[in-house]
Amino acid sequence: MNTIHLVAAMVALPLLASTARGDPSRIAAETLQVDALKSAYLACDRQTSRGRMDPATASRCMAISSVLTQRAFEGDFDRLIAWWRAEKARAAHAATR
């Protein structure tokens, strides 16, 4: 599974798996500011690149992805992906310095 598909799954699964607003992972994500959501999203991305996640971590990461998409990108998944790609490129460039 490529990273784009993984990110898409991270965004879609909260809608399928736990649409209830009472989901603890979602409630926790909703308390974060946008900058903290972005940092948490990138941390989740790094963790997915290292292998499988336990269910609690996956749930937290999916909630972060969903809330970030809504709050920072007005629900536009393509904008989330564009931001994510830019952040990955920036990090790769910084690592080569």
C-alpha atoms as a PDB file:
ATOM      1  CA  MET A   1       0.000   0.000   0.000  1.00  0.00           C
ATOM      2  CA  ASN A   2       1.519   3.331  -0.973  1.00  0.00           C
ATOM      3  CA  THR A   3       1.541   6.289   1.380  1.00  0.00           C
ATOM      4  CA  ILE A   4      -1.228   8.175  -0.425  1.00  0.00           C
ATOM      5  CA  HIS A   5      -3.566   5.210  -0.020  1.00  0.00           C
ATOM      6  CA  LEU A   6      -2.572   4.901   3.621  1.00  0.00           C
ATOM      7  CA  VAL A   7      -3.340   8.563   4.231  1.00  0.00           C
ATOM      8  CA  ALA A   8      -6.658   8.190   2.419  1.00  0.00           C
ATOM      9  CA  ALA A   9      -7.511   5.232   4.632  1.00  0.00           C
ATOM     10  CA  MET A  10      -6.564   7.241   7.710  1.00  0.00           C
ATOM     11  CA  VAL A  11      -9.027   9.921   6.676  1.00  0.00           C
ATOM     12  CA  ALA A  12     -11.834   7.600   5.596  1.00  0.00           C
ATOM     13  CA  LEU A  13     -11.795   5.073   8.405  1.00  0.00           C
ATOM     14  CA  PRO A  14     -12.975   7.426  11.144  1.00  0.00           C
ATOM     15  CA  LEU A  15     -16.069   8.065   9.054  1.00  0.00           C
ATOM     16  CA  LEU A  16     -16.703   4.342   8.742  1.00  0.00           C
ATOM     17  CA  ALA A  17     -15.452   3.023  12.067  1.00  0.00           C
ATOM     18  CA  SER A  18     -16.484   5.634  14.613  1.00  0.00           C
ATOM     19  CA  THR A  19     -18.702   8.426  13.471  1.00  0.00           C
ATOM     20  CA  ALA A  20     -19.947   9.022  16.987  1.00  0.00           C
ATOM     21  CA  ARG A  21     -18.790  12.330  18.435  1.00  0.00           C
ATOM     22  CA  GLY A  22     -18.208  10.537  21.752  1.00  0.00           C
ATOM     23  CA  ASP A  23     -15.147   8.672  20.441  1.00  0.00           C
ATOM     24  CA  PRO A  24     -12.334   9.402  22.954  1.00  0.00           C
ATOM     25  CA  SER A  25      -9.698   9.671  20.214  1.00  0.00           C
ATOM     26  CA  ARG A  26     -11.766  12.206  18.331  1.00  0.00           C
ATOM     27  CA  ILE A  27     -12.535  14.204  21.462  1.00  0.00           C
ATOM     28  CA  ALA A  28      -8.814  14.348  22.282  1.00  0.00           C
ATOM     29  CA  ALA A  29      -7.964  15.435  18.730  1.00  0.00           C
ATOM     30  CA  GLU A  30     -10.632  18.131  18.794  1.00  0.00           C
ATOM     31  CA  THR A  31      -8.964  19.758  21.801  1.00  0.00           C
ATOM     32  CA  LEU A  32      -5.702  20.333  19.891  1.00  0.00           C
ATOM     33  CA  GLN A  33      -4.793  23.551  18.095  1.00  0.00           C
ATOM     34  CA  VAL A  34      -4.113  23.307  14.347  1.00  0.00           C
ATOM     35  CA  ASP A  35      -0.320  23.468  14.761  1.00  0.00           C
ATOM     36  CA  ALA A  36      -0.453  20.625  17.290  1.00  0.00           C
ATOM     37  CA  LEU A  37      -2.714  18.611  14.968  1.00  0.00           C
ATOM     38  CA  LYS A  38      -0.228  19.085  12.129  1.00  0.00           C
ATOM     39  CA  SER A  39       2.669  17.946  14.304  1.00  0.00           C
ATOM     40  CA  ALA A  40       0.675  14.946  15.527  1.00  0.00           C
ATOM     41  CA  TYR A  41      -0.331  14.068  11.953  1.00  0.00           C
ATOM     42  CA  LEU A  42       3.303  14.100  10.831  1.00  0.00           C
ATOM     43  CA  ALA A  43       4.267  11.953  13.837  1.00  0.00           C
ATOM     44  CA  CYS A  44       1.567   9.467  12.837  1.00  0.00           C
ATOM     45  CA  ASP A  45       2.910   9.485   9.279  1.00  0.00           C
ATOM     46  CA  ARG A  46       6.413   8.688  10.542  1.00  0.00           C
ATOM     47  CA  GLN A  47       5.014   5.884  12.675  1.00  0.00           C
ATOM     48  CA  THR A  48       3.097   4.326   9.777  1.00  0.00           C
ATOM     49  CA  SER A  49       6.270   4.280   7.709  1.00  0.00           C
ATOM     50  CA  ARG A  50       7.908   2.145  10.404  1.00  0.00           C
ATOM     51  CA  GLY A  51       5.262  -0.585  10.368  1.00  0.00           C
ATOM     52  CA  ARG A  52       1.950  -1.578  11.889  1.00  0.00           C
ATOM     53  CA  MET A  53       0.202   0.362  14.615  1.00  0.00           C
ATOM     54  CA  ASP A  54      -1.727  -1.003  17.523  1.00  0.00           C
ATOM     55  CA  PRO A  55      -5.486  -0.328  17.315  1.00  0.00           C
ATOM     56  CA  ALA A  56      -5.470   2.494  19.892  1.00  0.00           C
ATOM     57  CA  THR A  57      -2.690   4.356  18.080  1.00  0.00           C
ATOM     58  CA  ALA A  58      -4.373   3.835  14.714  1.00  0.00           C
ATOM     59  CA  SER A  59      -7.640   5.196  16.119  1.00  0.00           C
ATOM     60  CA  ARG A  60      -5.865   8.249  17.529  1.00  0.00           C
ATOM     61  CA  CYS A  61      -4.084   8.889  14.229  1.00  0.00           C
ATOM     62  CA  MET A  62      -7.287   8.535  12.227  1.00  0.00           C
ATOM     63  CA  ALA A  63      -9.031  11.003  14.535  1.00  0.00           C
ATOM     64  CA  ILE A  64      -6.156  13.463  14.168  1.00  0.00           C
ATOM     65  CA  SER A  65      -6.316  13.125  10.387  1.00  0.00           C
ATOM     66  CA  SER A  66     -10.055  13.685  10.307  1.00  0.00           C
ATOM     67  CA  VAL A  67     -10.036  16.707  12.617  1.00  0.00           C
ATOM     68  CA  LEU A  68      -7.017  18.240  10.852  1.00  0.00           C
ATOM     69  CA  THR A  69      -8.670  17.863   7.454  1.00  0.00           C
ATOM     70  CA  GLN A  70     -11.798  19.605   8.702  1.00  0.00           C
ATOM     71  CA  ARG A  71     -10.191  22.408  10.690  1.00  0.00           C
ATOM     72  CA  ALA A  72      -7.069  23.289   8.713  1.00  0.00           C
ATOM     73  CA  PHE A  73      -8.162  22.396   5.184  1.00  0.00           C
ATOM     74  CA  GLU A  74     -11.928  22.993   5.304  1.00  0.00           C
ATOM     75  CA  GLY A  75     -12.595  19.310   4.670  1.00  0.00           C
ATOM     76  CA  ASP A  76     -10.578  19.289   1.442  1.00  0.00           C
ATOM     77  CA  PHE A  77      -8.548  16.074   1.350  1.00  0.00           C
ATOM     78  CA  ASP A  78      -6.545  17.262  -1.670  1.00  0.00           C
ATOM     79  CA  ARG A  79      -5.345  20.283   0.317  1.00  0.00           C
ATOM     80  CA  LEU A  80      -4.312  18.000   3.189  1.00  0.00           C
ATOM     81  CA  ILE A  81      -2.295  15.855   0.767  1.00  0.00           C
ATOM     82  CA  ALA A  82      -0.686  18.931  -0.833  1.00  0.00           C
ATOM     83  CA  TRP A  83       0.355  20.202   2.611  1.00  0.00           C
ATOM     84  CA  TRP A  84       1.619  16.737   3.607  1.00  0.00           C
ATOM     85  CA  ARG A  85       3.705  16.441   0.432  1.00  0.00           C
ATOM     86  CA  ALA A  86       5.192  19.901   0.976  1.00  0.00           C
ATOM     87  CA  GLU A  87       6.076  19.015   4.577  1.00  0.00           C
ATOM     88  CA  LYS A  88       7.710  15.759   3.483  1.00  0.00           C
ATOM     89  CA  ALA A  89       9.761  17.627   0.855  1.00  0.00           C
ATOM     90  CA  ARG A  90      10.746  20.304   3.392  1.00  0.00           C
ATOM     91  CA  ALA A  91      11.836  17.668   5.914  1.00  0.00           C
ATOM     92  CA  ALA A  92      13.824  15.775   3.272  1.00  0.00           C
ATOM     93  CA  HIS A  93      15.532  18.981   2.183  1.00  0.00           C
ATOM     94  CA  ALA A  94      16.362  19.906   5.779  1.00  0.00           C
ATOM     95  CA  ALA A  95      17.799  16.426   6.363  1.00  0.00           C
ATOM     96  CA  THR A  96      20.259  16.855   3.485  1.00  0.00           C
ATOM     97  CA  ARG A  97      21.713  20.095   4.854  1.00  0.00           C
END
